[in-house]
Amino acid sequence: MISVSIIIPVYNEEKTIIKQLGLINQKKVQLKDYVFEVIIVDDNSNDRTEILLKENKELYDKYYRNEKNFGKGYSVNVGINNSTNDIILIQDADLEYLPENYDNLLKPFKDYDADVVYGSRFKTTEINRVLFFFHSIANKIITFSSNIFSDLNLTDVEVGYKLFKRKLFEKINIKENSFGFEIEVTHKISNLRKDLKIFEVGISYFGRSYAEGKKIGIKDAFWAFFCILKYGLFKIK
């Protein structure tokens, strides 16, 4: 039996978090070959997220609330440090990434003894919502730049779905508090790649508009390039 820790960083997701947890629990029932724990890390939300989570404790296993708003990377790290299962699965709290993808994301661990699995919104035949042209171009430029220094052939380095064997985090130290986590973990994993089996699988994606609550913006793109230089070119540990 393969054990999975689903880590959900949350910040002001009162409109989606309960529905997302419901979908996760439905998928858990369907996946008979796995056991799960659901860990929520609330990044000091100031809407009704905390209230809703406390009213629906049956939907998750562990809940942590940051003392202030640190960022996604910090919250993921809190989840990893409090996880107990063999595989870490990072799940966003909004409905851009749906648990229907778990079958494909977990398959490489079950069938091929994977160490790392990334989803991809660009390497897929699944359903994807059409949104921002320049977002997709920026993502491809960031991914291409990251690949140059990591020597990986990923198609979507900024994807929300990233899965790892938990023991890998005994070898790497995550420092980025923000969305820079996506680049940092990729390059630190790439430094170990000779000993790892890394896979990428296509996923469905239902991106949000900014009116619907999308949080990532242009400053995060610039920070991603900074992190590529920091962890890719200069190999900061």
C-alpha atoms as a PDB file:
ATOM      1  CA  MET A   1       0.000   0.000   0.000  1.00  0.00           C
ATOM      2  CA  ILE A   2       1.397   3.386  -1.027  1.00  0.00           C
ATOM      3  CA  SER A   3       0.913   6.216   1.469  1.00  0.00           C
ATOM      4  CA  VAL A   4       0.392   9.807   0.310  1.00  0.00           C
ATOM      5  CA  SER A   5       0.396  13.111   2.196  1.00  0.00           C
ATOM      6  CA  ILE A   6      -1.716  15.708   0.375  1.00  0.00           C
ATOM      7  CA  ILE A   7      -0.441  19.148   1.366  1.00  0.00           C
ATOM      8  CA  ILE A   8      -2.801  22.047   0.723  1.00  0.00           C
ATOM      9  CA  PRO A   9      -1.454  25.589   1.203  1.00  0.00           C
ATOM     10  CA  VAL A  10      -4.435  27.912   1.663  1.00  0.00           C
ATOM     11  CA  TYR A  11      -4.796  31.682   1.572  1.00  0.00           C
ATOM     12  CA  ASN A  12      -8.199  33.349   1.342  1.00  0.00           C
ATOM     13  CA  GLU A  13      -9.986  30.522  -0.466  1.00  0.00           C
ATOM     14  CA  GLU A  14     -13.377  30.677   1.238  1.00  0.00           C
ATOM     15  CA  LYS A  15     -15.137  30.233  -2.118  1.00  0.00           C
ATOM     16  CA  THR A  16     -13.385  26.999  -3.085  1.00  0.00           C
ATOM     17  CA  ILE A  17     -11.719  25.194  -0.167  1.00  0.00           C
ATOM     18  CA  ILE A  18     -14.699  23.135   1.037  1.00  0.00           C
ATOM     19  CA  LYS A  19     -15.639  22.028  -2.479  1.00  0.00           C
ATOM     20  CA  GLN A  20     -12.011  21.120  -3.179  1.00  0.00           C
ATOM     21  CA  LEU A  21     -11.796  19.048   0.002  1.00  0.00           C
ATOM     22  CA  GLY A  22     -15.006  17.276  -0.980  1.00  0.00           C
ATOM     23  CA  LEU A  23     -13.522  16.352  -4.354  1.00  0.00           C
ATOM     24  CA  ILE A  24     -10.327  15.134  -2.679  1.00  0.00           C
ATOM     25  CA  ASN A  25     -12.267  12.877  -0.346  1.00  0.00           C
ATOM     26  CA  GLN A  26     -14.283  11.450  -3.246  1.00  0.00           C
ATOM     27  CA  LYS A  27     -11.061  10.614  -5.077  1.00  0.00           C
ATOM     28  CA  LYS A  28      -9.522   9.055  -1.958  1.00  0.00           C
ATOM     29  CA  VAL A  29     -12.380   6.548  -1.841  1.00  0.00           C
ATOM     30  CA  GLN A  30     -11.816   5.607  -5.498  1.00  0.00           C
ATOM     31  CA  LEU A  31      -8.059   5.010  -5.167  1.00  0.00           C
ATOM     32  CA  LYS A  32      -8.008   1.660  -3.376  1.00  0.00           C
ATOM     33  CA  ASP A  33      -4.235   1.084  -3.623  1.00  0.00           C
ATOM     34  CA  TYR A  34      -3.308   4.167  -1.610  1.00  0.00           C
ATOM     35  CA  VAL A  35      -3.764   5.557   1.879  1.00  0.00           C
ATOM     36  CA  PHE A  36      -3.923   9.315   2.360  1.00  0.00           C
ATOM     37  CA  GLU A  37      -3.563  12.041   4.917  1.00  0.00           C
ATOM     38  CA  VAL A  38      -4.763  15.568   4.115  1.00  0.00           C
ATOM     39  CA  ILE A  39      -2.719  18.393   5.629  1.00  0.00           C
ATOM     40  CA  ILE A  40      -3.964  21.983   5.391  1.00  0.00           C
ATOM     41  CA  VAL A  41      -1.644  24.914   6.036  1.00  0.00           C
ATOM     42  CA  ASP A  42      -3.572  28.176   6.306  1.00  0.00           C
ATOM     43  CA  ASP A  43      -1.264  31.080   5.421  1.00  0.00           C
ATOM     44  CA  ASN A  44      -3.025  33.451   7.836  1.00  0.00           C
ATOM     45  CA  SER A  45      -6.173  33.906   5.744  1.00  0.00           C
ATOM     46  CA  ASN A  46      -8.239  36.982   6.630  1.00  0.00           C
ATOM     47  CA  ASP A  47     -11.526  35.882   5.047  1.00  0.00           C
ATOM     48  CA  ARG A  48     -13.806  33.038   6.241  1.00  0.00           C
ATOM     49  CA  THR A  49     -11.378  30.249   5.285  1.00  0.00           C
ATOM     50  CA  GLU A  50     -10.377  29.464   8.882  1.00  0.00           C
ATOM     51  CA  ILE A  51     -14.000  29.456  10.080  1.00  0.00           C
ATOM     52  CA  LEU A  52     -15.100  27.105   7.296  1.00  0.00           C
ATOM     53  CA  LEU A  53     -12.230  24.725   7.953  1.00  0.00           C
ATOM     54  CA  LYS A  54     -12.968  24.551  11.662  1.00  0.00           C
ATOM     55  CA  GLU A  55     -16.606  23.813  10.850  1.00  0.00           C
ATOM     56  CA  ASN A  56     -15.620  20.940   8.517  1.00  0.00           C
ATOM     57  CA  LYS A  57     -12.858  19.120  10.393  1.00  0.00           C
ATOM     58  CA  GLU A  58     -14.020  15.758   9.054  1.00  0.00           C
ATOM     59  CA  LEU A  59     -12.698  16.714   5.595  1.00  0.00           C
ATOM     60  CA  TYR A  60      -9.005  16.718   6.553  1.00  0.00           C
ATOM     61  CA  ASP A  61      -6.532  15.158   8.986  1.00  0.00           C
ATOM     62  CA  LYS A  62      -4.234  17.983  10.106  1.00  0.00           C
ATOM     63  CA  TYR A  63      -4.598  21.763  10.184  1.00  0.00           C
ATOM     64  CA  TYR A  64      -1.912  24.384  10.765  1.00  0.00           C
ATOM     65  CA  ARG A  65      -2.246  28.152  10.651  1.00  0.00           C
ATOM     66  CA  ASN A  66       0.762  30.402  10.054  1.00  0.00           C
ATOM     67  CA  GLU A  67       1.230  33.279  12.480  1.00  0.00           C
ATOM     68  CA  LYS A  68       1.380  35.658   9.508  1.00  0.00           C
ATOM     69  CA  ASN A  69       1.148  35.537   5.715  1.00  0.00           C
ATOM     70  CA  PHE A  70       4.483  34.015   4.636  1.00  0.00           C
ATOM     71  CA  GLY A  71       3.714  32.580   1.177  1.00  0.00           C
ATOM     72  CA  LYS A  72       3.170  29.294  -0.626  1.00  0.00           C
ATOM     73  CA  GLY A  73       6.692  27.938  -0.216  1.00  0.00           C
ATOM     74  CA  TYR A  74       6.675  28.480   3.533  1.00  0.00           C
ATOM     75  CA  SER A  75       3.282  26.804   3.850  1.00  0.00           C
ATOM     76  CA  VAL A  76       4.339  23.800   1.771  1.00  0.00           C
ATOM     77  CA  ASN A  77       7.409  23.436   3.997  1.00  0.00           C
ATOM     78  CA  VAL A  78       5.216  23.419   7.100  1.00  0.00           C
ATOM     79  CA  GLY A  79       3.152  20.660   5.536  1.00  0.00           C
ATOM     80  CA  ILE A  80       6.194  18.596   4.580  1.00  0.00           C
ATOM     81  CA  ASN A  81       7.676  18.903   8.074  1.00  0.00           C
ATOM     82  CA  ASN A  82       4.414  17.633   9.586  1.00  0.00           C
ATOM     83  CA  SER A  83       3.754  14.846   7.076  1.00  0.00           C
ATOM     84  CA  THR A  84       4.166  11.145   7.806  1.00  0.00           C
ATOM     85  CA  ASN A  85       3.513   9.351   4.505  1.00  0.00           C
ATOM     86  CA  ASP A  86       5.884   8.218   1.761  1.00  0.00           C
ATOM     87  CA  ILE A  87       4.780  10.560  -1.034  1.00  0.00           C
ATOM     88  CA  ILE A  88       4.220  14.329  -0.884  1.00  0.00           C
ATOM     89  CA  LEU A  89       1.460  15.617  -3.205  1.00  0.00           C
ATOM     90  CA  ILE A  90       1.070  19.394  -3.388  1.00  0.00           C
ATOM     91  CA  GLN A  91      -2.529  20.402  -4.020  1.00  0.00           C
ATOM     92  CA  ASP A  92      -3.702  24.007  -4.506  1.00  0.00           C
ATOM     93  CA  ALA A  93      -6.819  25.018  -2.599  1.00  0.00           C
ATOM     94  CA  ASP A  94      -8.587  26.599  -5.558  1.00  0.00           C
ATOM     95  CA  LEU A  95     -10.297  24.645  -8.334  1.00  0.00           C
ATOM     96  CA  GLU A  96      -7.641  25.184 -11.014  1.00  0.00           C
ATOM     97  CA  TYR A  97      -6.147  21.777 -10.249  1.00  0.00           C
ATOM     98  CA  LEU A  98      -8.649  18.999  -9.609  1.00  0.00           C
ATOM     99  CA  PRO A  99      -8.129  15.649  -7.826  1.00  0.00           C
ATOM    100  CA  GLU A 100      -9.344  13.822 -10.946  1.00  0.00           C
ATOM    101  CA  ASN A 101      -5.663  14.016 -11.931  1.00  0.00           C
ATOM    102  CA  TYR A 102      -4.467  11.839  -9.036  1.00  0.00           C
ATOM    103  CA  ASP A 103      -4.732   8.598 -11.018  1.00  0.00           C
ATOM    104  CA  ASN A 104      -2.177   9.744 -13.603  1.00  0.00           C
ATOM    105  CA  LEU A 105       0.017  11.607 -11.131  1.00  0.00           C
ATOM    106  CA  LEU A 106       0.402   8.621  -8.804  1.00  0.00           C
ATOM    107  CA  LYS A 107       0.773   5.966 -11.507  1.00  0.00           C
ATOM    108  CA  PRO A 108       4.560   6.488 -11.986  1.00  0.00           C
ATOM    109  CA  PHE A 109       5.124   5.846  -8.267  1.00  0.00           C
ATOM    110  CA  LYS A 110       3.112   2.645  -8.363  1.00  0.00           C
ATOM    111  CA  ASP A 111       4.290   1.249 -11.701  1.00  0.00           C
ATOM    112  CA  TYR A 112       7.790   2.682 -12.194  1.00  0.00           C
ATOM    113  CA  ASP A 113       9.082   3.451  -8.690  1.00  0.00           C
ATOM    114  CA  ALA A 114       9.232   7.183  -9.461  1.00  0.00           C
ATOM    115  CA  ASP A 115      10.984   9.596  -7.130  1.00  0.00           C
ATOM    116  CA  VAL A 116       9.488  12.799  -8.543  1.00  0.00           C
ATOM    117  CA  VAL A 117       6.422  13.474 -10.705  1.00  0.00           C
ATOM    118  CA  TYR A 118       5.454  16.843 -12.202  1.00  0.00           C
ATOM    119  CA  GLY A 119       2.139  17.514 -13.860  1.00  0.00           C
ATOM    120  CA  SER A 120       2.085  19.443 -17.123  1.00  0.00           C
ATOM    121  CA  ARG A 121      -0.587  21.705 -18.539  1.00  0.00           C
ATOM    122  CA  PHE A 122       1.202  21.730 -21.905  1.00  0.00           C
ATOM    123  CA  LYS A 123       1.901  18.024 -22.365  1.00  0.00           C
ATOM    124  CA  THR A 124      -1.629  16.737 -22.213  1.00  0.00           C
ATOM    125  CA  THR A 125      -4.742  15.619 -24.059  1.00  0.00           C
ATOM    126  CA  GLU A 126      -6.877  16.521 -21.043  1.00  0.00           C
ATOM    127  CA  ILE A 127      -9.322  19.412 -20.764  1.00  0.00           C
ATOM    128  CA  ASN A 128      -7.707  22.818 -20.229  1.00  0.00           C
ATOM    129  CA  ARG A 129      -9.474  26.144 -19.845  1.00  0.00           C
ATOM    130  CA  VAL A 130      -8.321  28.796 -22.343  1.00  0.00           C
ATOM    131  CA  LEU A 131      -7.174  31.993 -20.643  1.00  0.00           C
ATOM    132  CA  PHE A 132      -4.124  34.235 -20.928  1.00  0.00           C
ATOM    133  CA  PHE A 133      -1.784  34.075 -23.944  1.00  0.00           C
ATOM    134  CA  PHE A 134       1.023  36.047 -22.303  1.00  0.00           C
ATOM    135  CA  HIS A 135       0.826  33.885 -19.162  1.00  0.00           C
ATOM    136  CA  SER A 136       1.470  30.798 -21.264  1.00  0.00           C
ATOM    137  CA  ILE A 137       4.341  32.503 -23.106  1.00  0.00           C
ATOM    138  CA  ALA A 138       5.893  33.661 -19.823  1.00  0.00           C
ATOM    139  CA  ASN A 139       5.541  30.160 -18.408  1.00  0.00           C
ATOM    140  CA  LYS A 140       7.260  28.619 -21.417  1.00  0.00           C
ATOM    141  CA  ILE A 141      10.111  31.157 -21.233  1.00  0.00           C
ATOM    142  CA  ILE A 142      10.553  30.496 -17.505  1.00  0.00           C
ATOM    143  CA  THR A 143      10.481  26.736 -18.091  1.00  0.00           C
ATOM    144  CA  PHE A 144      12.985  26.974 -20.960  1.00  0.00           C
ATOM    145  CA  SER A 145      15.321  29.154 -18.884  1.00  0.00           C
ATOM    146  CA  SER A 146      15.032  26.812 -15.919  1.00  0.00           C
ATOM    147  CA  ASN A 147      15.757  23.774 -18.099  1.00  0.00           C
ATOM    148  CA  ILE A 148      18.984  25.350 -19.354  1.00  0.00           C
ATOM    149  CA  PHE A 149      20.455  25.338 -15.857  1.00  0.00           C
ATOM    150  CA  SER A 150      18.733  22.248 -14.454  1.00  0.00           C
ATOM    151  CA  ASP A 151      19.425  20.107 -17.549  1.00  0.00           C
ATOM    152  CA  LEU A 152      15.889  18.724 -17.293  1.00  0.00           C
ATOM    153  CA  ASN A 153      13.414  18.644 -20.184  1.00  0.00           C
ATOM    154  CA  LEU A 154      10.309  19.751 -18.289  1.00  0.00           C
ATOM    155  CA  THR A 155       7.460  21.416 -20.146  1.00  0.00           C
ATOM    156  CA  ASP A 156       5.808  23.167 -17.166  1.00  0.00           C
ATOM    157  CA  VAL A 157       8.102  24.050 -14.258  1.00  0.00           C
ATOM    158  CA  GLU A 158       5.498  26.358 -12.668  1.00  0.00           C
ATOM    159  CA  VAL A 159       2.795  23.684 -12.511  1.00  0.00           C
ATOM    160  CA  GLY A 160       0.941  23.400  -9.218  1.00  0.00           C
ATOM    161  CA  TYR A 161       0.981  19.608  -9.150  1.00  0.00           C
ATOM    162  CA  LYS A 162       4.374  18.436  -7.910  1.00  0.00           C
ATOM    163  CA  LEU A 163       4.863  15.091  -6.159  1.00  0.00           C
ATOM    164  CA  PHE A 164       7.958  13.802  -4.365  1.00  0.00           C
ATOM    165  CA  LYS A 165       9.088  10.924  -2.226  1.00  0.00           C
ATOM    166  CA  ARG A 166       9.202  12.520   1.214  1.00  0.00           C
ATOM    167  CA  LYS A 167      12.688  11.176   1.947  1.00  0.00           C
ATOM    168  CA  LEU A 168      14.095  13.558  -0.701  1.00  0.00           C
ATOM    169  CA  PHE A 169      13.497  16.449   1.669  1.00  0.00           C
ATOM    170  CA  GLU A 170      16.058  14.941   4.024  1.00  0.00           C
ATOM    171  CA  LYS A 171      18.627  15.876   1.353  1.00  0.00           C
ATOM    172  CA  ILE A 172      17.445  19.351   0.369  1.00  0.00           C
ATOM    173  CA  ASN A 173      16.659  22.475   2.352  1.00  0.00           C
ATOM    174  CA  ILE A 174      13.814  24.642   1.034  1.00  0.00           C
ATOM    175  CA  LYS A 175      14.239  28.350   1.794  1.00  0.00           C
ATOM    176  CA  GLU A 176      11.844  30.164  -0.542  1.00  0.00           C
ATOM    177  CA  ASN A 177       8.670  31.386   1.139  1.00  0.00           C
ATOM    178  CA  SER A 178       6.883  32.530  -2.010  1.00  0.00           C
ATOM    179  CA  PHE A 179       6.105  31.037  -5.426  1.00  0.00           C
ATOM    180  CA  GLY A 180       9.896  30.891  -5.866  1.00  0.00           C
ATOM    181  CA  PHE A 181       9.523  27.488  -4.210  1.00  0.00           C
ATOM    182  CA  GLU A 182       8.598  26.047  -7.630  1.00  0.00           C
ATOM    183  CA  ILE A 183      12.004  26.968  -9.097  1.00  0.00           C
ATOM    184  CA  GLU A 184      14.047  26.269  -5.980  1.00  0.00           C
ATOM    185  CA  VAL A 185      12.761  22.730  -5.462  1.00  0.00           C
ATOM    186  CA  THR A 186      13.184  21.945  -9.169  1.00  0.00           C
ATOM    187  CA  HIS A 187      16.846  22.918  -9.211  1.00  0.00           C
ATOM    188  CA  LYS A 188      17.673  21.284  -5.911  1.00  0.00           C
ATOM    189  CA  ILE A 189      16.026  18.089  -7.123  1.00  0.00           C
ATOM    190  CA  SER A 190      17.911  18.359 -10.420  1.00  0.00           C
ATOM    191  CA  ASN A 191      21.201  18.333  -8.516  1.00  0.00           C
ATOM    192  CA  LEU A 192      20.253  14.825  -7.342  1.00  0.00           C
ATOM    193  CA  ARG A 193      18.878  13.642 -10.677  1.00  0.00           C
ATOM    194  CA  LYS A 194      21.560  11.001 -11.308  1.00  0.00           C
ATOM    195  CA  ASP A 195      20.015   9.029  -8.468  1.00  0.00           C
ATOM    196  CA  LEU A 196      16.376   9.849  -9.247  1.00  0.00           C
ATOM    197  CA  LYS A 197      13.594   8.774 -11.563  1.00  0.00           C
ATOM    198  CA  ILE A 198      11.745  11.928 -12.620  1.00  0.00           C
ATOM    199  CA  PHE A 199       8.484  11.812 -14.595  1.00  0.00           C
ATOM    200  CA  GLU A 200       6.080  14.317 -16.126  1.00  0.00           C
ATOM    201  CA  VAL A 201       2.410  13.572 -16.865  1.00  0.00           C
ATOM    202  CA  GLY A 202      -0.297  15.603 -18.577  1.00  0.00           C
ATOM    203  CA  ILE A 203      -3.054  17.033 -16.407  1.00  0.00           C
ATOM    204  CA  SER A 204      -6.332  18.868 -16.842  1.00  0.00           C
ATOM    205  CA  TYR A 205      -6.301  22.529 -15.822  1.00  0.00           C
ATOM    206  CA  PHE A 206      -9.079  25.019 -15.148  1.00  0.00           C
ATOM    207  CA  GLY A 207      -7.250  28.315 -14.632  1.00  0.00           C
ATOM    208  CA  ARG A 208      -8.896  31.255 -12.920  1.00  0.00           C
ATOM    209  CA  SER A 209      -9.078  34.831 -14.085  1.00  0.00           C
ATOM    210  CA  TYR A 210      -7.950  37.599 -11.733  1.00  0.00           C
ATOM    211  CA  ALA A 211     -11.603  38.474 -11.151  1.00  0.00           C
ATOM    212  CA  GLU A 212     -12.090  34.899  -9.920  1.00  0.00           C
ATOM    213  CA  GLY A 213      -9.199  35.145  -7.467  1.00  0.00           C
ATOM    214  CA  LYS A 214      -5.990  34.305  -9.354  1.00  0.00           C
ATOM    215  CA  LYS A 215      -3.031  35.452  -7.230  1.00  0.00           C
ATOM    216  CA  ILE A 216       0.172  34.969  -9.235  1.00  0.00           C
ATOM    217  CA  GLY A 217       1.325  38.032 -11.190  1.00  0.00           C
ATOM    218  CA  ILE A 218       4.162  39.755 -13.017  1.00  0.00           C
ATOM    219  CA  LYS A 219       6.294  40.203  -9.890  1.00  0.00           C
ATOM    220  CA  ASP A 220       6.229  36.430  -9.406  1.00  0.00           C
ATOM    221  CA  ALA A 221       7.539  35.971 -12.962  1.00  0.00           C
ATOM    222  CA  PHE A 222      10.491  38.274 -12.253  1.00  0.00           C
ATOM    223  CA  TRP A 223      11.146  36.442  -8.978  1.00  0.00           C
ATOM    224  CA  ALA A 224      11.125  33.142 -10.863  1.00  0.00           C
ATOM    225  CA  PHE A 225      13.929  34.406 -13.125  1.00  0.00           C
ATOM    226  CA  PHE A 226      15.853  35.575 -10.068  1.00  0.00           C
ATOM    227  CA  CYS A 227      15.467  32.123  -8.511  1.00  0.00           C
ATOM    228  CA  ILE A 228      16.656  30.461 -11.736  1.00  0.00           C
ATOM    229  CA  LEU A 229      19.900  32.441 -11.466  1.00  0.00           C
ATOM    230  CA  LYS A 230      20.144  31.895  -7.710  1.00  0.00           C
ATOM    231  CA  TYR A 231      19.563  28.148  -7.623  1.00  0.00           C
ATOM    232  CA  GLY A 232      20.367  27.215 -11.227  1.00  0.00           C
ATOM    233  CA  LEU A 233      23.383  29.297 -12.181  1.00  0.00           C
ATOM    234  CA  PHE A 234      24.954  29.956  -8.788  1.00  0.00           C
ATOM    235  CA  LYS A 235      23.750  26.701  -7.147  1.00  0.00           C
ATOM    236  CA  ILE A 236      22.849  28.337  -3.835  1.00  0.00           C
ATOM    237  CA  LYS A 237      22.061  25.599  -1.308  1.00  0.00           C
END
